[in-house]
Structure formats: C-alpha cells, structure tokens
Amino acid sequence: MSIEGFAITPEDEDLAGAEHAPATVRTHTHALFPSVFVHGIRFAVLSDEYCINHVLQELDAGRGGTIITLNLDHLRRCGEDPSYRALVERAEVNVADGMPIVWASRLQRTPLPQRVAGSDLINSLASAAAESGYSVFLLGGNPGTAEATSRLLCRRYPRLRVAGWHDPRPGFDQNPQSLAATINLVRDAAPDIVFVALGSPKQEQFIHSARQALPGTWWLGVGISFSFMCGEIRRAPRWMQRAGLEWIHRLSQEPGKLFRRYLVHGLPFAVKLLGAAVMNGILRRARSERGSLGG
C-alpha cells in the first residue's frame, strides 16, 4: 500500500518548532501508515477504501485491532480526559469522522484525504466481509436497532454472515458480572468484525475490556449508527455531511440531548482547533521556505 503523507511529531503539532519531513510511521506492530497529528492525536492518512483493505489484510493474517473514528467531541475529550486519550492512543487505526478535523489537517498543511465516518464503514465493511467470507457482530444501540440493522445488512449483502447481535441493558458495563457475560457472549459467537454502538466513551472502554478475548477480531465503535441504519434517526443529506453541517441536522432532531455537546462545547472547541491549525500552517510554511532558502 502506497500513500503520500507526512509524519508530524506532537511537538510540531503544538508549535514547539520541531522540524518535520515526509515519512512513514509505525502506528502499531502490524502495519505501516503515513500519519499526521491533529490536536496532539495521531490520525492515519487513510481513505475509506484503504481502511477497509487494511482490515481485510489483517484478518487474512489472523491479526485483530481497533478502529476509532474520531469526531470533534472525541478530540475535545482527548484533551480533557487522560484515560480516554490513552484508549485512543492504544488503537491500531484512528481516522477522522468529522469535517472540522479534516479542515484542521488541511489548514496546518498536513492534509487528511477525507472524512472516514463510522456510519459509512458499517456498510462498506459489511459488504467487504460478505465478499471475503468474514462474519460480523452488532452490539449496543437503542433497543431493537442492532437486530434491525443486522437484518438490513443481510438484505443488502445476502452473503454476509452475522454471528449475532445484542443490545445490553443500560449500565451493564458498570456491573462486573454483566460486563463479563456480554464479553463472553461476543467471544462465543467468534465474529471477525464487531460493530460496537454504545456511544463514546463507553464503546471505547468496552472494546478495551473485550478485545483480549478475541485478539484476532477487528472492533469498530459506531455510536448512533444503528439508529441511522434502521431509520430511527434520519441522517443528514450528503451535501450537509460534506459541508460539515451534519451537526445542525442532528441538533434539530435531538436538541435536548445535543445542545451542550454541540453549542456549549463543540463550537468553541472548533474555533480553537481551526485557529491553532492556521498558526501551525503558517509556521510550517515559514520553516519550509527557510529550508528551501538554506538548501
């Protein structure tokens, strides 16, 4: 796999002045990715297609892993919650599920190729799994949505093998017996890919607890995606997604739930993120120009 990209150090991301150069960075022991840092978090420079191909190649080799699709709220939490940041840093693949993150990467002159949304990966990974003979498991979501989504995927991809689905009761993760029972349920189903729709940070915490039970399985946190898939919540039109306006569509449907997340926390953080990215881009360009003159 050949992808053009930059490897940026966290010091460079934080405007500490470290020089950078094009490189390929080992993000875990199994594969090499070009990567960039946005707000101190490493993102793989991968398109949706390359992400899927990587999962299939790793499954073929008997290796599992975790994909975290980070949106603006996740990135903000990384700066406020060290324990959550540690979960993100342990993942084999982090991709940008939010246009503000993609914009920030471009403004700082280390562009990510595209947004890679968990809601899109469910379809594309299920399709690829069906063609390759791999199985999937659906965990979480609002009551009934995991089963409804599994049936929808089977209709779309008749060759898909669904190893199972389960929507555990709220608070199961706080009860050691319930948590162990859920992990054992997934382990006994022995899926190749698990879509975990528990919301963040619960889904990342669950994946961290469960992945050792199935080291050859790939895990993907997908948030509210089951509700999108089965029509319980309407997803924004494509033009709104591309324009970075999907949050407005979500807010109009769930104002009570999302007001603080989007308006109180999200907008100020987005302004801060993009402002820092502009400064990074200016400094990076200045260093590049000094390097060219010196050469």
Protein backbone atom coordinates (compact mmCIF):
# COMPACT_ATOMS: atom_id res chain seq x y z
CA MET A 1 0.00 0.00 0.00
CA SER A 2 1.46 3.33 -1.03
CA ILE A 3 0.00 6.59 0.26
CA GLU A 4 1.56 10.02 0.25
CA GLY A 5 1.64 11.56 3.71
CA PHE A 6 3.56 13.37 6.42
CA ALA A 7 4.68 12.23 9.82
CA ILE A 8 4.29 15.12 12.23
CA THR A 9 5.58 14.96 15.79
CA PRO A 10 3.38 16.05 18.70
CA GLU A 11 5.92 18.81 19.40
CA ASP A 12 5.46 20.12 15.88
CA GLU A 13 1.70 19.96 16.31
CA ASP A 14 1.98 22.05 19.48
CA LEU A 15 4.05 24.72 17.71
CA ALA A 16 7.25 23.81 19.56
CA GLY A 17 9.26 24.26 16.38
CA ALA A 18 10.43 20.70 15.67
CA GLU A 19 11.36 20.07 12.04
CA HIS A 20 9.33 17.53 10.10
CA ALA A 21 9.91 15.51 6.98
CA PRO A 22 7.85 13.14 4.82
CA ALA A 23 7.93 9.71 6.41
CA THR A 24 6.03 6.55 7.12
CA VAL A 25 5.32 5.93 10.77
CA ARG A 26 4.65 2.64 12.54
CA THR A 27 1.38 3.17 14.38
CA HIS A 28 1.37 -0.39 15.74
CA THR A 29 3.35 -3.59 15.37
CA HIS A 30 1.42 -4.93 12.38
CA ALA A 31 1.44 -2.27 9.68
CA LEU A 32 2.93 0.98 8.47
CA PHE A 33 0.83 4.06 7.83
CA PRO A 34 1.57 7.61 6.90
CA SER A 35 0.12 9.66 9.73
CA VAL A 36 -0.39 13.21 10.96
CA PHE A 37 -1.14 14.78 14.30
CA VAL A 38 -4.19 16.96 14.83
CA HIS A 39 -4.53 18.47 18.31
CA GLY A 40 -1.86 16.06 19.52
CA ILE A 41 -3.67 12.90 18.31
CA ARG A 42 -2.24 10.72 15.58
CA PHE A 43 -4.51 10.09 12.59
CA ALA A 44 -3.82 7.52 9.89
CA VAL A 45 -3.70 9.04 6.43
CA LEU A 46 -6.20 6.55 5.05
CA SER A 47 -9.21 6.76 2.80
CA ASP A 48 -12.32 4.68 3.42
CA GLU A 49 -11.14 2.19 0.80
CA TYR A 50 -7.64 1.79 2.24
CA CYS A 51 -9.08 1.41 5.74
CA ILE A 52 -11.28 -1.47 4.60
CA ASN A 53 -8.44 -3.10 2.67
CA HIS A 54 -6.23 -2.91 5.75
CA VAL A 55 -8.84 -4.65 7.92
CA LEU A 56 -9.23 -7.44 5.36
CA GLN A 57 -5.46 -7.89 5.05
CA GLU A 58 -5.07 -8.07 8.81
CA LEU A 59 -7.92 -10.58 9.10
CA ASP A 60 -6.30 -12.68 6.40
CA ALA A 61 -3.13 -12.65 8.51
CA GLY A 62 -5.01 -13.60 11.67
CA ARG A 63 -4.49 -10.25 13.36
CA GLY A 64 -7.15 -8.11 15.02
CA GLY A 65 -7.30 -4.49 16.03
CA THR A 66 -9.38 -1.44 16.79
CA ILE A 67 -10.56 1.42 14.60
CA ILE A 68 -11.64 4.63 16.33
CA THR A 69 -13.49 7.11 14.16
CA LEU A 70 -12.82 10.35 16.00
CA ASN A 71 -15.21 13.27 15.71
CA LEU A 72 -14.82 16.75 17.18
CA ASP A 73 -16.28 15.72 20.54
CA HIS A 74 -13.90 12.77 20.81
CA LEU A 75 -10.93 15.01 20.01
CA ARG A 76 -12.02 17.53 22.64
CA ARG A 77 -12.35 14.74 25.22
CA CYS A 78 -8.81 13.56 24.44
CA GLY A 79 -7.52 16.90 25.72
CA GLU A 80 -9.61 16.80 28.89
CA ASP A 81 -9.59 13.12 29.92
CA PRO A 82 -6.19 11.38 30.07
CA SER A 83 -7.81 7.94 30.49
CA TYR A 84 -9.83 8.41 27.30
CA ARG A 85 -6.80 9.71 25.44
CA ALA A 86 -4.92 6.55 26.47
CA LEU A 87 -7.67 4.41 24.91
CA VAL A 88 -7.41 6.37 21.67
CA GLU A 89 -3.63 6.09 21.61
CA ARG A 90 -3.84 2.30 22.00
CA ALA A 91 -6.00 1.89 18.89
CA GLU A 92 -4.35 0.50 15.79
CA VAL A 93 -6.15 2.92 13.48
CA ASN A 94 -7.56 6.38 14.22
CA VAL A 95 -9.43 8.13 11.43
CA ALA A 96 -11.26 11.46 11.20
CA ASP A 97 -15.04 11.19 11.47
CA GLY A 98 -15.65 14.92 11.31
CA MET A 99 -15.07 17.59 8.70
CA PRO A 100 -13.60 20.10 11.23
CA ILE A 101 -10.76 17.63 11.84
CA VAL A 102 -10.18 17.26 8.10
CA TRP A 103 -10.25 21.05 7.70
CA ALA A 104 -7.76 21.46 10.54
CA SER A 105 -5.39 18.97 8.92
CA ARG A 106 -5.52 20.94 5.67
CA LEU A 107 -5.08 24.31 7.35
CA GLN A 108 -1.93 23.07 9.08
CA ARG A 109 -0.65 21.79 5.71
CA THR A 110 -0.77 18.07 6.61
CA PRO A 111 -3.97 17.11 4.80
CA LEU A 112 -6.01 14.03 5.59
CA PRO A 113 -7.53 12.58 2.39
CA GLN A 114 -11.16 12.52 3.52
CA ARG A 115 -13.61 12.04 6.35
CA VAL A 116 -13.96 8.36 7.28
CA ALA A 117 -17.29 8.01 9.07
CA GLY A 118 -18.23 5.06 11.24
CA SER A 119 -21.76 5.18 9.81
CA ASP A 120 -20.31 4.65 6.33
CA LEU A 121 -17.84 1.97 7.42
CA ILE A 122 -20.68 -0.24 8.64
CA ASN A 123 -21.94 -0.62 5.09
CA SER A 124 -18.57 -0.79 3.36
CA LEU A 125 -17.05 -3.21 5.88
CA ALA A 126 -20.16 -5.40 5.85
CA SER A 127 -20.04 -5.51 2.05
CA ALA A 128 -16.33 -6.40 2.07
CA ALA A 129 -16.88 -9.01 4.80
CA ALA A 130 -19.65 -10.62 2.76
CA GLU A 131 -17.39 -10.90 -0.27
CA SER A 132 -14.48 -12.26 1.79
CA GLY A 133 -16.44 -14.68 3.96
CA TYR A 134 -15.92 -12.86 7.24
CA SER A 135 -18.60 -12.53 9.93
CA VAL A 136 -19.87 -9.53 11.87
CA PHE A 137 -21.45 -8.98 15.28
CA LEU A 138 -23.59 -5.97 16.23
CA LEU A 139 -23.52 -4.81 19.86
CA GLY A 140 -25.44 -1.98 21.51
CA GLY A 141 -27.59 0.75 20.07
CA ASN A 142 -31.10 1.66 21.13
CA PRO A 143 -33.32 -1.35 21.91
CA GLY A 144 -34.03 -3.33 18.77
CA THR A 145 -31.71 -1.39 16.47
CA ALA A 146 -28.89 -3.97 16.48
CA GLU A 147 -31.27 -6.69 15.29
CA ALA A 148 -32.95 -4.38 12.77
CA THR A 149 -29.57 -3.29 11.39
CA SER A 150 -28.36 -6.87 11.10
CA ARG A 151 -31.45 -7.81 9.09
CA LEU A 152 -31.00 -4.77 6.86
CA LEU A 153 -27.35 -5.66 6.21
CA CYS A 154 -28.31 -9.24 5.35
CA ARG A 155 -30.83 -7.98 2.82
CA ARG A 156 -28.26 -5.69 1.25
CA TYR A 157 -25.46 -8.26 1.30
CA PRO A 158 -27.03 -11.75 1.07
CA ARG A 159 -23.67 -13.48 1.54
CA LEU A 160 -22.97 -11.69 4.82
CA ARG A 161 -22.59 -13.90 7.89
CA VAL A 162 -23.99 -12.27 11.02
CA ALA A 163 -22.51 -14.04 14.04
CA GLY A 164 -25.02 -12.36 16.33
CA TRP A 165 -26.38 -9.17 17.84
CA HIS A 166 -27.02 -7.98 21.36
CA ASP A 167 -28.32 -4.78 22.97
CA PRO A 168 -27.26 -4.99 26.64
CA ARG A 169 -29.18 -3.19 29.34
CA PRO A 170 -28.08 0.33 30.30
CA GLY A 171 -25.39 0.23 32.97
CA PHE A 172 -24.24 -3.29 32.10
CA ASP A 173 -20.68 -2.04 31.84
CA GLN A 174 -20.75 -0.91 35.49
CA ASN A 175 -21.64 -4.41 36.72
CA PRO A 176 -18.69 -6.83 36.57
CA GLN A 177 -20.94 -9.87 36.06
CA SER A 178 -22.97 -8.23 33.30
CA LEU A 179 -19.84 -6.96 31.59
CA ALA A 180 -18.21 -10.40 31.72
CA ALA A 181 -21.39 -12.04 30.42
CA THR A 182 -21.52 -9.65 27.47
CA ILE A 183 -17.87 -10.21 26.64
CA ASN A 184 -18.39 -13.98 26.84
CA LEU A 185 -21.42 -13.70 24.54
CA VAL A 186 -19.37 -11.97 21.89
CA ARG A 187 -16.42 -14.32 22.40
CA ASP A 188 -18.59 -17.42 21.98
CA ALA A 189 -20.01 -16.02 18.73
CA ALA A 190 -16.40 -15.68 17.46
CA PRO A 191 -17.03 -12.88 14.94
CA ASP A 192 -14.34 -11.41 12.72
CA ILE A 193 -15.66 -7.84 12.98
CA VAL A 194 -17.63 -6.28 15.86
CA PHE A 195 -19.60 -3.04 15.47
CA VAL A 196 -19.96 -1.50 18.95
CA ALA A 197 -22.74 1.11 19.26
CA LEU A 198 -22.54 2.14 22.90
CA GLY A 199 -21.67 5.80 22.43
CA SER A 200 -18.38 7.35 23.44
CA PRO A 201 -16.52 6.79 25.71
CA LYS A 202 -18.40 3.61 26.71
CA GLN A 203 -17.75 1.88 23.40
CA GLU A 204 -14.01 2.52 23.53
CA GLN A 205 -13.91 1.35 27.15
CA PHE A 206 -15.84 -1.81 26.28
CA ILE A 207 -13.59 -2.57 23.33
CA HIS A 208 -10.53 -2.20 25.54
CA SER A 209 -12.05 -4.66 28.05
CA ALA A 210 -13.22 -7.17 25.42
CA ARG A 211 -10.58 -7.29 22.71
CA GLN A 212 -8.24 -9.60 24.60
CA ALA A 213 -10.97 -12.26 24.49
CA LEU A 214 -10.83 -12.16 20.67
CA PRO A 215 -7.34 -11.00 19.65
CA GLY A 216 -7.94 -11.86 16.01
CA THR A 217 -11.11 -9.73 15.74
CA TRP A 218 -11.47 -6.17 14.48
CA TRP A 219 -13.53 -3.76 16.62
CA LEU A 220 -15.17 -0.56 15.46
CA GLY A 221 -17.08 1.93 17.62
CA VAL A 222 -20.04 3.27 15.64
CA GLY A 223 -22.01 5.45 18.09
CA ILE A 224 -25.58 6.14 16.98
CA SER A 225 -25.10 4.45 13.60
CA PHE A 226 -27.57 1.59 14.15
CA SER A 227 -30.33 4.18 14.58
CA PHE A 228 -29.23 5.79 11.32
CA MET A 229 -29.18 2.46 9.53
CA CYS A 230 -32.66 1.33 10.53
CA GLY A 231 -34.24 4.77 10.11
CA GLU A 232 -34.89 5.54 13.78
CA ILE A 233 -32.89 8.76 13.35
CA ARG A 234 -32.58 10.47 9.98
CA ARG A 235 -29.03 11.09 8.81
CA ALA A 236 -28.17 14.44 7.22
CA PRO A 237 -28.15 14.72 3.41
CA ARG A 238 -24.78 14.16 1.75
CA TRP A 239 -24.32 17.85 0.96
CA MET A 240 -24.66 18.69 4.65
CA GLN A 241 -22.17 15.98 5.58
CA ARG A 242 -19.64 17.27 3.03
CA ALA A 243 -20.16 20.86 4.20
CA GLY A 244 -19.58 19.94 7.84
CA LEU A 245 -23.18 20.79 8.75
CA GLU A 246 -24.36 17.36 9.86
CA TRP A 247 -24.34 18.56 13.47
CA ILE A 248 -27.12 21.05 12.67
CA HIS A 249 -29.28 18.23 11.31
CA ARG A 250 -28.60 16.12 14.41
CA LEU A 251 -29.27 19.04 16.74
CA SER A 252 -32.65 19.69 15.09
CA GLN A 253 -33.71 16.11 15.86
CA GLU A 254 -32.30 15.79 19.40
CA PRO A 255 -31.92 19.33 20.79
CA GLY A 256 -32.21 18.36 24.44
CA LYS A 257 -29.55 15.67 24.16
CA LEU A 258 -27.09 17.50 21.92
CA PHE A 259 -27.38 21.21 22.85
CA ARG A 260 -24.47 21.23 25.30
CA ARG A 261 -22.32 18.92 23.19
CA TYR A 262 -22.61 20.98 20.03
CA LEU A 263 -23.19 24.57 21.13
CA VAL A 264 -21.62 24.84 24.59
CA HIS A 265 -18.59 22.60 24.00
CA GLY A 266 -18.34 21.91 20.28
CA LEU A 267 -18.38 25.34 18.64
CA PRO A 268 -15.80 26.99 20.96
CA PHE A 269 -13.52 23.97 20.60
CA ALA A 270 -13.87 24.02 16.79
CA VAL A 271 -12.83 27.69 16.70
CA LYS A 272 -9.82 26.93 18.90
CA LEU A 273 -8.86 23.90 16.81
CA LEU A 274 -9.05 25.70 13.47
CA GLY A 275 -7.24 28.76 14.81
CA ALA A 276 -4.36 26.61 16.06
CA ALA A 277 -4.28 24.80 12.72
CA VAL A 278 -3.94 28.11 10.85
CA MET A 279 -0.97 29.05 13.05
CA ASN A 280 0.59 25.63 12.56
CA GLY A 281 0.20 26.01 8.81
CA ILE A 282 1.84 29.45 8.81
CA LEU A 283 4.79 28.26 10.88
CA ARG A 284 5.16 25.09 8.83
CA ARG A 285 5.23 27.09 5.61
CA ALA A 286 7.79 29.51 7.08
CA ARG A 287 10.05 26.65 8.13
CA SER A 288 9.70 25.07 4.71
CA GLU A 289 10.63 28.31 2.99
CA ARG A 290 13.66 28.80 5.28
CA GLY A 291 14.71 25.26 4.50
CA SER A 292 14.44 25.90 0.76
CA LEU A 293 16.49 29.07 1.01
CA GLY A 294 19.10 27.30 3.11
CA GLY A 295 19.33 24.49 0.57
